[in-house]
Amino acid sequence: MFSYDFMQNAFIAGTIVSIVAGVIGTFVVARNYAFLTHSLSEIGFAGAAFGLWIGWPALLGMMIATSVASVAIGALESTYTKHDNVTSAVSALAIGLGILFLALGHTSSNAATGILFGSVLGISHRDLYLLIILALIVLVTLLFNYRSLRQLAFDEAGIFLQTWKQKSVRYTFLIMIALSISISSQLVGSLLIFVLVTLPAASAKYYAKTTFQLMGMAIVFALFGTWIGLTIAYLTNLPTSFFIAIIEVIIYLVSIWQFKRNA
């Protein structure tokens, strides 16, 4: 299996995506941003379709769309507007626009499928380098803002005395989510991004007691689902994203069952 370049690239890309998803997912779950992640994945679909329509790489279109949308949603979050309702409306519009852009651009079925369900087995060396750069940006940004991001996710009420600092950290976090969604789309597609960004961390919270444990277990669960999913996909010639989704859901259900049994 590893004698093929495309499988080597797939496993490297899958490992990178899983690490980023596990790390960011820890804060997403703690912040209760699972719905936002799901909505941004739909917005990312529209951005990717728009990018293909005007001749840009799909990843670039997705990055721009999710970043702009996440900042806009963050601006609404501090107002009286119920941002979940606004996000629902925007994501519904994004799905319609994505379909429109695919039709206007006469996008091939393979390209459309790649946007929706990922195309990890077709990742090139150039795609891999871009993925590594984006992952490093996200992880380094998190490292330099770790304490503030942890407080934002786990103890926002008791920490920020300066309003400007609270807003700057929130916007930084939202942009990191947007970049993480764009990165994860390479593996599972825009429709199943929330599987990797939220489920591993949601499963890990039933076992971990500290932030580092939560992050570590989320990464382990994401890696397990990705590596096993890639292996089964290679053996069966069926979509990788399907197996990753099934494995992560099983891990989540087992975690809930284990927690209730020990409660």
C-alpha atoms as a PDB file:
ATOM      1  CA  MET A   1       0.000   0.000   0.000  1.00  0.00           C
ATOM      2  CA  PHE A   2       2.758   2.459   0.903  1.00  0.00           C
ATOM      3  CA  SER A   3       4.641   1.683  -2.295  1.00  0.00           C
ATOM      4  CA  TYR A   4       2.276   4.089  -4.080  1.00  0.00           C
ATOM      5  CA  ASP A   5       3.017   7.803  -3.943  1.00  0.00           C
ATOM      6  CA  PHE A   6      -0.667   8.715  -3.708  1.00  0.00           C
ATOM      7  CA  MET A   7      -1.086   6.584  -0.581  1.00  0.00           C
ATOM      8  CA  GLN A   8       2.003   8.092   1.016  1.00  0.00           C
ATOM      9  CA  ASN A   9       0.622  11.573   0.322  1.00  0.00           C
ATOM     10  CA  ALA A  10      -2.798  10.528   1.606  1.00  0.00           C
ATOM     11  CA  PHE A  11      -1.455   9.269   4.921  1.00  0.00           C
ATOM     12  CA  ILE A  12       0.764  12.323   5.414  1.00  0.00           C
ATOM     13  CA  ALA A  13      -2.131  14.648   4.582  1.00  0.00           C
ATOM     14  CA  GLY A  14      -4.484  12.638   6.776  1.00  0.00           C
ATOM     15  CA  THR A  15      -2.071  12.839   9.688  1.00  0.00           C
ATOM     16  CA  ILE A  16      -1.684  16.609   9.319  1.00  0.00           C
ATOM     17  CA  VAL A  17      -5.439  17.156   9.032  1.00  0.00           C
ATOM     18  CA  SER A  18      -6.139  14.920  12.044  1.00  0.00           C
ATOM     19  CA  ILE A  19      -3.666  16.781  14.260  1.00  0.00           C
ATOM     20  CA  VAL A  20      -5.094  20.178  13.313  1.00  0.00           C
ATOM     21  CA  ALA A  21      -8.688  18.953  13.648  1.00  0.00           C
ATOM     22  CA  GLY A  22      -7.984  17.374  17.030  1.00  0.00           C
ATOM     23  CA  VAL A  23      -6.328  20.496  18.405  1.00  0.00           C
ATOM     24  CA  ILE A  24      -8.869  23.006  17.107  1.00  0.00           C
ATOM     25  CA  GLY A  25     -11.750  20.647  17.809  1.00  0.00           C
ATOM     26  CA  THR A  26     -10.868  20.721  21.502  1.00  0.00           C
ATOM     27  CA  PHE A  27     -11.636  24.431  21.646  1.00  0.00           C
ATOM     28  CA  VAL A  28     -14.594  24.160  19.255  1.00  0.00           C
ATOM     29  CA  VAL A  29     -16.333  21.617  21.497  1.00  0.00           C
ATOM     30  CA  ALA A  30     -15.495  23.536  24.686  1.00  0.00           C
ATOM     31  CA  ARG A  31     -16.824  26.729  23.134  1.00  0.00           C
ATOM     32  CA  ASN A  32     -19.980  24.950  21.859  1.00  0.00           C
ATOM     33  CA  TYR A  33     -19.186  25.934  18.286  1.00  0.00           C
ATOM     34  CA  ALA A  34     -20.166  22.604  16.710  1.00  0.00           C
ATOM     35  CA  PHE A  35     -23.076  24.206  14.876  1.00  0.00           C
ATOM     36  CA  LEU A  36     -20.859  27.030  13.643  1.00  0.00           C
ATOM     37  CA  THR A  37     -18.384  24.479  12.299  1.00  0.00           C
ATOM     38  CA  HIS A  38     -21.134  22.680  10.420  1.00  0.00           C
ATOM     39  CA  SER A  39     -22.388  25.963   8.973  1.00  0.00           C
ATOM     40  CA  LEU A  40     -18.915  27.095   7.933  1.00  0.00           C
ATOM     41  CA  SER A  41     -18.450  23.810   6.078  1.00  0.00           C
ATOM     42  CA  GLU A  42     -21.494  24.675   3.962  1.00  0.00           C
ATOM     43  CA  ILE A  43     -20.191  28.206   3.446  1.00  0.00           C
ATOM     44  CA  GLY A  44     -16.861  26.667   2.454  1.00  0.00           C
ATOM     45  CA  PHE A  45     -18.658  24.627  -0.193  1.00  0.00           C
ATOM     46  CA  ALA A  46     -19.950  27.834  -1.768  1.00  0.00           C
ATOM     47  CA  GLY A  47     -16.490  29.389  -1.602  1.00  0.00           C
ATOM     48  CA  ALA A  48     -14.857  26.390  -3.234  1.00  0.00           C
ATOM     49  CA  ALA A  49     -17.481  26.321  -5.992  1.00  0.00           C
ATOM     50  CA  PHE A  50     -17.022  30.065  -6.561  1.00  0.00           C
ATOM     51  CA  GLY A  51     -13.259  29.588  -6.768  1.00  0.00           C
ATOM     52  CA  LEU A  52     -13.605  26.926  -9.435  1.00  0.00           C
ATOM     53  CA  TRP A  53     -16.066  29.096 -11.342  1.00  0.00           C
ATOM     54  CA  ILE A  54     -13.652  32.029 -11.663  1.00  0.00           C
ATOM     55  CA  GLY A  55     -10.576  29.866 -12.119  1.00  0.00           C
ATOM     56  CA  TRP A  56      -9.134  29.849  -8.596  1.00  0.00           C
ATOM     57  CA  PRO A  57      -8.093  26.747  -6.658  1.00  0.00           C
ATOM     58  CA  ALA A  58     -11.058  25.406  -4.690  1.00  0.00           C
ATOM     59  CA  LEU A  59      -9.052  25.580  -1.442  1.00  0.00           C
ATOM     60  CA  LEU A  60      -8.382  29.304  -1.894  1.00  0.00           C
ATOM     61  CA  GLY A  61     -12.055  30.032  -2.484  1.00  0.00           C
ATOM     62  CA  MET A  62     -12.975  28.020   0.593  1.00  0.00           C
ATOM     63  CA  MET A  63     -10.412  29.793   2.785  1.00  0.00           C
ATOM     64  CA  ILE A  64     -11.662  33.234   1.763  1.00  0.00           C
ATOM     65  CA  ALA A  65     -15.338  32.362   2.184  1.00  0.00           C
ATOM     66  CA  THR A  66     -14.986  30.698   5.573  1.00  0.00           C
ATOM     67  CA  SER A  67     -12.674  33.407   6.937  1.00  0.00           C
ATOM     68  CA  VAL A  68     -14.992  36.243   5.905  1.00  0.00           C
ATOM     69  CA  ALA A  69     -18.044  34.381   7.176  1.00  0.00           C
ATOM     70  CA  SER A  70     -16.481  33.488  10.529  1.00  0.00           C
ATOM     71  CA  VAL A  71     -15.434  37.098  11.165  1.00  0.00           C
ATOM     72  CA  ALA A  72     -18.902  38.335  10.200  1.00  0.00           C
ATOM     73  CA  ILE A  73     -20.549  35.830  12.532  1.00  0.00           C
ATOM     74  CA  GLY A  74     -18.143  36.828  15.286  1.00  0.00           C
ATOM     75  CA  ALA A  75     -19.181  40.463  14.862  1.00  0.00           C
ATOM     76  CA  LEU A  76     -22.821  39.467  15.321  1.00  0.00           C
ATOM     77  CA  GLU A  77     -22.049  37.262  18.319  1.00  0.00           C
ATOM     78  CA  SER A  78     -21.681  40.163  20.712  1.00  0.00           C
ATOM     79  CA  THR A  79     -24.946  41.815  19.679  1.00  0.00           C
ATOM     80  CA  TYR A  80     -28.502  40.999  20.664  1.00  0.00           C
ATOM     81  CA  THR A  81     -28.903  39.123  17.382  1.00  0.00           C
ATOM     82  CA  LYS A  82     -29.217  35.381  17.872  1.00  0.00           C
ATOM     83  CA  HIS A  83     -26.227  34.327  15.815  1.00  0.00           C
ATOM     84  CA  ASP A  84     -27.411  30.721  15.411  1.00  0.00           C
ATOM     85  CA  ASN A  85     -30.397  31.967  13.457  1.00  0.00           C
ATOM     86  CA  VAL A  86     -28.243  34.243  11.327  1.00  0.00           C
ATOM     87  CA  THR A  87     -25.769  31.421  10.711  1.00  0.00           C
ATOM     88  CA  SER A  88     -28.584  29.104   9.621  1.00  0.00           C
ATOM     89  CA  ALA A  89     -29.804  31.666   7.094  1.00  0.00           C
ATOM     90  CA  VAL A  90     -26.307  32.315   5.755  1.00  0.00           C
ATOM     91  CA  SER A  91     -25.486  28.607   5.450  1.00  0.00           C
ATOM     92  CA  ALA A  92     -28.762  27.948   3.587  1.00  0.00           C
ATOM     93  CA  LEU A  93     -27.907  30.751   1.190  1.00  0.00           C
ATOM     94  CA  ALA A  94     -24.378  29.355   0.817  1.00  0.00           C
ATOM     95  CA  ILE A  95     -25.643  25.930  -0.252  1.00  0.00           C
ATOM     96  CA  GLY A  96     -27.812  27.540  -2.931  1.00  0.00           C
ATOM     97  CA  LEU A  97     -24.943  29.719  -4.142  1.00  0.00           C
ATOM     98  CA  GLY A  98     -22.599  26.734  -4.217  1.00  0.00           C
ATOM     99  CA  ILE A  99     -24.975  24.813  -6.469  1.00  0.00           C
ATOM    100  CA  LEU A 100     -25.350  27.896  -8.679  1.00  0.00           C
ATOM    101  CA  PHE A 101     -21.582  28.392  -9.017  1.00  0.00           C
ATOM    102  CA  LEU A 102     -21.087  24.731  -9.909  1.00  0.00           C
ATOM    103  CA  ALA A 103     -23.709  25.058 -12.637  1.00  0.00           C
ATOM    104  CA  LEU A 104     -22.343  28.365 -13.982  1.00  0.00           C
ATOM    105  CA  GLY A 105     -18.822  27.022 -14.066  1.00  0.00           C
ATOM    106  CA  HIS A 106     -19.896  23.779 -15.734  1.00  0.00           C
ATOM    107  CA  THR A 107     -17.809  22.053 -13.078  1.00  0.00           C
ATOM    108  CA  SER A 108     -17.132  18.397 -13.732  1.00  0.00           C
ATOM    109  CA  SER A 109     -18.742  15.785 -11.523  1.00  0.00           C
ATOM    110  CA  ASN A 110     -15.309  14.729 -10.247  1.00  0.00           C
ATOM    111  CA  ALA A 111     -14.469  18.253  -9.097  1.00  0.00           C
ATOM    112  CA  ALA A 112     -17.864  18.662  -7.457  1.00  0.00           C
ATOM    113  CA  THR A 113     -17.507  15.313  -5.697  1.00  0.00           C
ATOM    114  CA  GLY A 114     -14.056  16.327  -4.497  1.00  0.00           C
ATOM    115  CA  ILE A 115     -15.468  19.494  -2.915  1.00  0.00           C
ATOM    116  CA  LEU A 116     -18.324  17.681  -1.219  1.00  0.00           C
ATOM    117  CA  PHE A 117     -16.628  14.474  -0.106  1.00  0.00           C
ATOM    118  CA  GLY A 118     -12.891  15.156  -0.271  1.00  0.00           C
ATOM    119  CA  SER A 119     -10.235  13.791  -2.581  1.00  0.00           C
ATOM    120  CA  VAL A 120      -7.437  12.719  -0.282  1.00  0.00           C
ATOM    121  CA  LEU A 121      -6.287   9.927  -2.604  1.00  0.00           C
ATOM    122  CA  GLY A 122      -5.676  12.545  -5.287  1.00  0.00           C
ATOM    123  CA  ILE A 123      -3.553  14.926  -3.205  1.00  0.00           C
ATOM    124  CA  SER A 124      -0.401  15.974  -5.075  1.00  0.00           C
ATOM    125  CA  HIS A 125       2.959  17.001  -3.646  1.00  0.00           C
ATOM    126  CA  ARG A 126       2.033  20.662  -4.232  1.00  0.00           C
ATOM    127  CA  ASP A 127      -1.238  20.195  -2.347  1.00  0.00           C
ATOM    128  CA  LEU A 128       0.698  18.540   0.458  1.00  0.00           C
ATOM    129  CA  TYR A 129       3.118  21.450   0.783  1.00  0.00           C
ATOM    130  CA  LEU A 130       0.222  23.919   0.922  1.00  0.00           C
ATOM    131  CA  LEU A 131      -1.481  21.768   3.538  1.00  0.00           C
ATOM    132  CA  ILE A 132       1.663  21.732   5.673  1.00  0.00           C
ATOM    133  CA  ILE A 133       2.014  25.520   5.455  1.00  0.00           C
ATOM    134  CA  LEU A 134      -1.610  26.101   6.463  1.00  0.00           C
ATOM    135  CA  ALA A 135      -1.348  23.605   9.316  1.00  0.00           C
ATOM    136  CA  LEU A 136       1.789  25.295  10.627  1.00  0.00           C
ATOM    137  CA  ILE A 137       0.074  28.693  10.520  1.00  0.00           C
ATOM    138  CA  VAL A 138      -2.837  27.351  12.567  1.00  0.00           C
ATOM    139  CA  LEU A 139      -0.695  25.475  15.099  1.00  0.00           C
ATOM    140  CA  VAL A 140       1.839  28.276  15.584  1.00  0.00           C
ATOM    141  CA  THR A 141      -0.971  30.807  16.023  1.00  0.00           C
ATOM    142  CA  LEU A 142      -2.563  28.540  18.612  1.00  0.00           C
ATOM    143  CA  LEU A 143       0.754  28.107  20.418  1.00  0.00           C
ATOM    144  CA  PHE A 144       1.281  31.851  20.748  1.00  0.00           C
ATOM    145  CA  ASN A 145      -2.320  32.421  21.848  1.00  0.00           C
ATOM    146  CA  TYR A 146      -2.819  29.222  23.813  1.00  0.00           C
ATOM    147  CA  ARG A 147      -3.575  30.741  27.230  1.00  0.00           C
ATOM    148  CA  SER A 148      -6.037  33.283  25.858  1.00  0.00           C
ATOM    149  CA  LEU A 149      -7.755  30.725  23.634  1.00  0.00           C
ATOM    150  CA  ARG A 150      -8.035  28.267  26.511  1.00  0.00           C
ATOM    151  CA  GLN A 151      -9.599  30.955  28.683  1.00  0.00           C
ATOM    152  CA  LEU A 152     -11.947  31.973  25.874  1.00  0.00           C
ATOM    153  CA  ALA A 153     -13.120  28.380  25.461  1.00  0.00           C
ATOM    154  CA  PHE A 154     -13.244  27.241  29.087  1.00  0.00           C
ATOM    155  CA  ASP A 155     -13.595  30.336  31.269  1.00  0.00           C
ATOM    156  CA  GLU A 156     -14.544  33.383  29.237  1.00  0.00           C
ATOM    157  CA  ALA A 157     -16.681  34.988  31.919  1.00  0.00           C
ATOM    158  CA  GLY A 158     -13.910  35.413  34.441  1.00  0.00           C
ATOM    159  CA  ILE A 159     -10.930  36.433  32.402  1.00  0.00           C
ATOM    160  CA  PHE A 160     -11.108  39.323  30.006  1.00  0.00           C
ATOM    161  CA  LEU A 161     -11.174  42.762  31.569  1.00  0.00           C
ATOM    162  CA  GLN A 162     -10.325  44.491  28.290  1.00  0.00           C
ATOM    163  CA  THR A 163     -13.087  44.344  25.702  1.00  0.00           C
ATOM    164  CA  TRP A 164     -10.637  44.834  22.846  1.00  0.00           C
ATOM    165  CA  LYS A 165      -8.606  41.812  23.940  1.00  0.00           C
ATOM    166  CA  GLN A 166     -11.689  39.650  24.181  1.00  0.00           C
ATOM    167  CA  LYS A 167     -12.697  40.597  20.642  1.00  0.00           C
ATOM    168  CA  SER A 168      -9.235  40.114  19.186  1.00  0.00           C
ATOM    169  CA  VAL A 169      -8.900  36.630  20.693  1.00  0.00           C
ATOM    170  CA  ARG A 170     -12.391  35.672  19.507  1.00  0.00           C
ATOM    171  CA  TYR A 171     -11.646  36.789  15.936  1.00  0.00           C
ATOM    172  CA  THR A 172      -8.311  34.973  15.996  1.00  0.00           C
ATOM    173  CA  PHE A 173     -10.076  31.815  17.118  1.00  0.00           C
ATOM    174  CA  LEU A 174     -12.759  32.133  14.432  1.00  0.00           C
ATOM    175  CA  ILE A 175     -10.175  32.563  11.672  1.00  0.00           C
ATOM    176  CA  MET A 176      -8.311  29.514  12.988  1.00  0.00           C
ATOM    177  CA  ILE A 177     -11.547  27.536  12.773  1.00  0.00           C
ATOM    178  CA  ALA A 178     -12.008  28.749   9.192  1.00  0.00           C
ATOM    179  CA  LEU A 179      -8.494  27.673   8.200  1.00  0.00           C
ATOM    180  CA  SER A 180      -8.921  24.335   9.971  1.00  0.00           C
ATOM    181  CA  ILE A 181     -12.142  23.708   8.067  1.00  0.00           C
ATOM    182  CA  SER A 182     -10.376  24.467   4.790  1.00  0.00           C
ATOM    183  CA  ILE A 183      -7.570  22.089   5.720  1.00  0.00           C
ATOM    184  CA  SER A 184      -9.946  19.324   6.791  1.00  0.00           C
ATOM    185  CA  SER A 185     -11.938  19.612   3.575  1.00  0.00           C
ATOM    186  CA  GLN A 186      -9.027  18.032   1.719  1.00  0.00           C
ATOM    187  CA  LEU A 187      -9.657  14.815   3.622  1.00  0.00           C
ATOM    188  CA  VAL A 188     -13.401  14.490   4.174  1.00  0.00           C
ATOM    189  CA  GLY A 189     -14.933  17.187   1.971  1.00  0.00           C
ATOM    190  CA  SER A 190     -17.110  20.133   2.892  1.00  0.00           C
ATOM    191  CA  LEU A 191     -20.118  18.031   3.877  1.00  0.00           C
ATOM    192  CA  LEU A 192     -18.293  15.968   6.500  1.00  0.00           C
ATOM    193  CA  ILE A 193     -15.808  18.468   7.947  1.00  0.00           C
ATOM    194  CA  PHE A 194     -17.629  18.560  11.291  1.00  0.00           C
ATOM    195  CA  VAL A 195     -16.946  14.816  11.640  1.00  0.00           C
ATOM    196  CA  LEU A 196     -13.226  15.396  12.177  1.00  0.00           C
ATOM    197  CA  VAL A 197     -13.364  18.814  13.808  1.00  0.00           C
ATOM    198  CA  THR A 198     -15.990  17.993  16.436  1.00  0.00           C
ATOM    199  CA  LEU A 199     -16.502  14.249  16.996  1.00  0.00           C
ATOM    200  CA  PRO A 200     -12.975  13.277  18.156  1.00  0.00           C
ATOM    201  CA  ALA A 201     -12.940  16.095  20.710  1.00  0.00           C
ATOM    202  CA  ALA A 202     -16.533  15.354  21.724  1.00  0.00           C
ATOM    203  CA  SER A 203     -15.519  11.733  22.341  1.00  0.00           C
ATOM    204  CA  ALA A 204     -12.370  12.704  24.219  1.00  0.00           C
ATOM    205  CA  LYS A 205     -14.244  14.836  26.770  1.00  0.00           C
ATOM    206  CA  TYR A 206     -15.703  11.650  28.290  1.00  0.00           C
ATOM    207  CA  TYR A 207     -12.211  10.435  29.217  1.00  0.00           C
ATOM    208  CA  ALA A 208      -9.955  13.480  29.645  1.00  0.00           C
ATOM    209  CA  LYS A 209      -9.684  15.647  32.764  1.00  0.00           C
ATOM    210  CA  THR A 210      -7.277  18.342  31.578  1.00  0.00           C
ATOM    211  CA  THR A 211      -7.008  20.446  28.452  1.00  0.00           C
ATOM    212  CA  PHE A 212      -3.852  18.661  27.323  1.00  0.00           C
ATOM    213  CA  GLN A 213      -5.437  15.252  27.861  1.00  0.00           C
ATOM    214  CA  LEU A 214      -8.496  16.381  25.931  1.00  0.00           C
ATOM    215  CA  MET A 215      -6.365  17.630  23.079  1.00  0.00           C
ATOM    216  CA  GLY A 216      -4.189  14.516  23.034  1.00  0.00           C
ATOM    217  CA  MET A 217      -7.105  12.099  23.019  1.00  0.00           C
ATOM    218  CA  ALA A 218      -8.909  14.115  20.330  1.00  0.00           C
ATOM    219  CA  ILE A 219      -5.821  13.831  18.128  1.00  0.00           C
ATOM    220  CA  VAL A 220      -5.576  10.079  18.818  1.00  0.00           C
ATOM    221  CA  PHE A 221      -9.241   9.509  17.928  1.00  0.00           C
ATOM    222  CA  ALA A 222      -8.906  11.608  14.767  1.00  0.00           C
ATOM    223  CA  LEU A 223      -5.734   9.778  13.707  1.00  0.00           C
ATOM    224  CA  PHE A 224      -7.279   6.380  14.414  1.00  0.00           C
ATOM    225  CA  GLY A 225     -10.341   7.131  12.281  1.00  0.00           C
ATOM    226  CA  THR A 226      -8.255   8.620   9.493  1.00  0.00           C
ATOM    227  CA  TRP A 227      -5.625   5.879   9.288  1.00  0.00           C
ATOM    228  CA  ILE A 228      -8.134   3.028   9.497  1.00  0.00           C
ATOM    229  CA  GLY A 229     -10.453   4.809   7.080  1.00  0.00           C
ATOM    230  CA  LEU A 230      -7.667   5.282   4.534  1.00  0.00           C
ATOM    231  CA  THR A 231      -6.628   1.647   4.834  1.00  0.00           C
ATOM    232  CA  ILE A 232     -10.155   0.305   4.359  1.00  0.00           C
ATOM    233  CA  ALA A 233     -10.755   2.711   1.474  1.00  0.00           C
ATOM    234  CA  TYR A 234      -7.625   1.432  -0.254  1.00  0.00           C
ATOM    235  CA  LEU A 235      -8.674  -2.197   0.214  1.00  0.00           C
ATOM    236  CA  THR A 236     -12.293  -1.696  -0.869  1.00  0.00           C
ATOM    237  CA  ASN A 237     -11.952   1.147  -3.391  1.00  0.00           C
ATOM    238  CA  LEU A 238     -14.797   2.970  -1.639  1.00  0.00           C
ATOM    239  CA  PRO A 239     -14.878   6.638  -0.450  1.00  0.00           C
ATOM    240  CA  THR A 240     -12.464   7.422   2.367  1.00  0.00           C
ATOM    241  CA  SER A 241     -14.764   9.989   3.963  1.00  0.00           C
ATOM    242  CA  PHE A 242     -17.479   7.350   4.465  1.00  0.00           C
ATOM    243  CA  PHE A 243     -15.223   5.112   6.548  1.00  0.00           C
ATOM    244  CA  ILE A 244     -13.776   8.009   8.537  1.00  0.00           C
ATOM    245  CA  ALA A 245     -17.276   9.222   9.373  1.00  0.00           C
ATOM    246  CA  ILE A 246     -18.461   5.757  10.426  1.00  0.00           C
ATOM    247  CA  ILE A 247     -15.415   5.144  12.627  1.00  0.00           C
ATOM    248  CA  GLU A 248     -15.645   8.529  14.364  1.00  0.00           C
ATOM    249  CA  VAL A 249     -19.365   8.068  15.018  1.00  0.00           C
ATOM    250  CA  ILE A 250     -18.729   4.619  16.494  1.00  0.00           C
ATOM    251  CA  ILE A 251     -16.000   6.029  18.750  1.00  0.00           C
ATOM    252  CA  TYR A 252     -18.380   8.757  19.900  1.00  0.00           C
ATOM    253  CA  LEU A 253     -21.235   6.340  20.648  1.00  0.00           C
ATOM    254  CA  VAL A 254     -18.911   3.972  22.511  1.00  0.00           C
ATOM    255  CA  SER A 255     -17.593   6.911  24.549  1.00  0.00           C
ATOM    256  CA  ILE A 256     -21.113   7.889  25.575  1.00  0.00           C
ATOM    257  CA  TRP A 257     -21.970   4.282  26.441  1.00  0.00           C
ATOM    258  CA  GLN A 258     -18.766   3.908  28.482  1.00  0.00           C
ATOM    259  CA  PHE A 259     -19.434   7.153  30.347  1.00  0.00           C
ATOM    260  CA  LYS A 260     -23.017   6.198  31.211  1.00  0.00           C
ATOM    261  CA  ARG A 261     -21.946   2.761  32.346  1.00  0.00           C
ATOM    262  CA  ASN A 262     -19.375   4.203  34.737  1.00  0.00           C
ATOM    263  CA  ALA A 263     -21.634   7.026  35.971  1.00  0.00           C
END
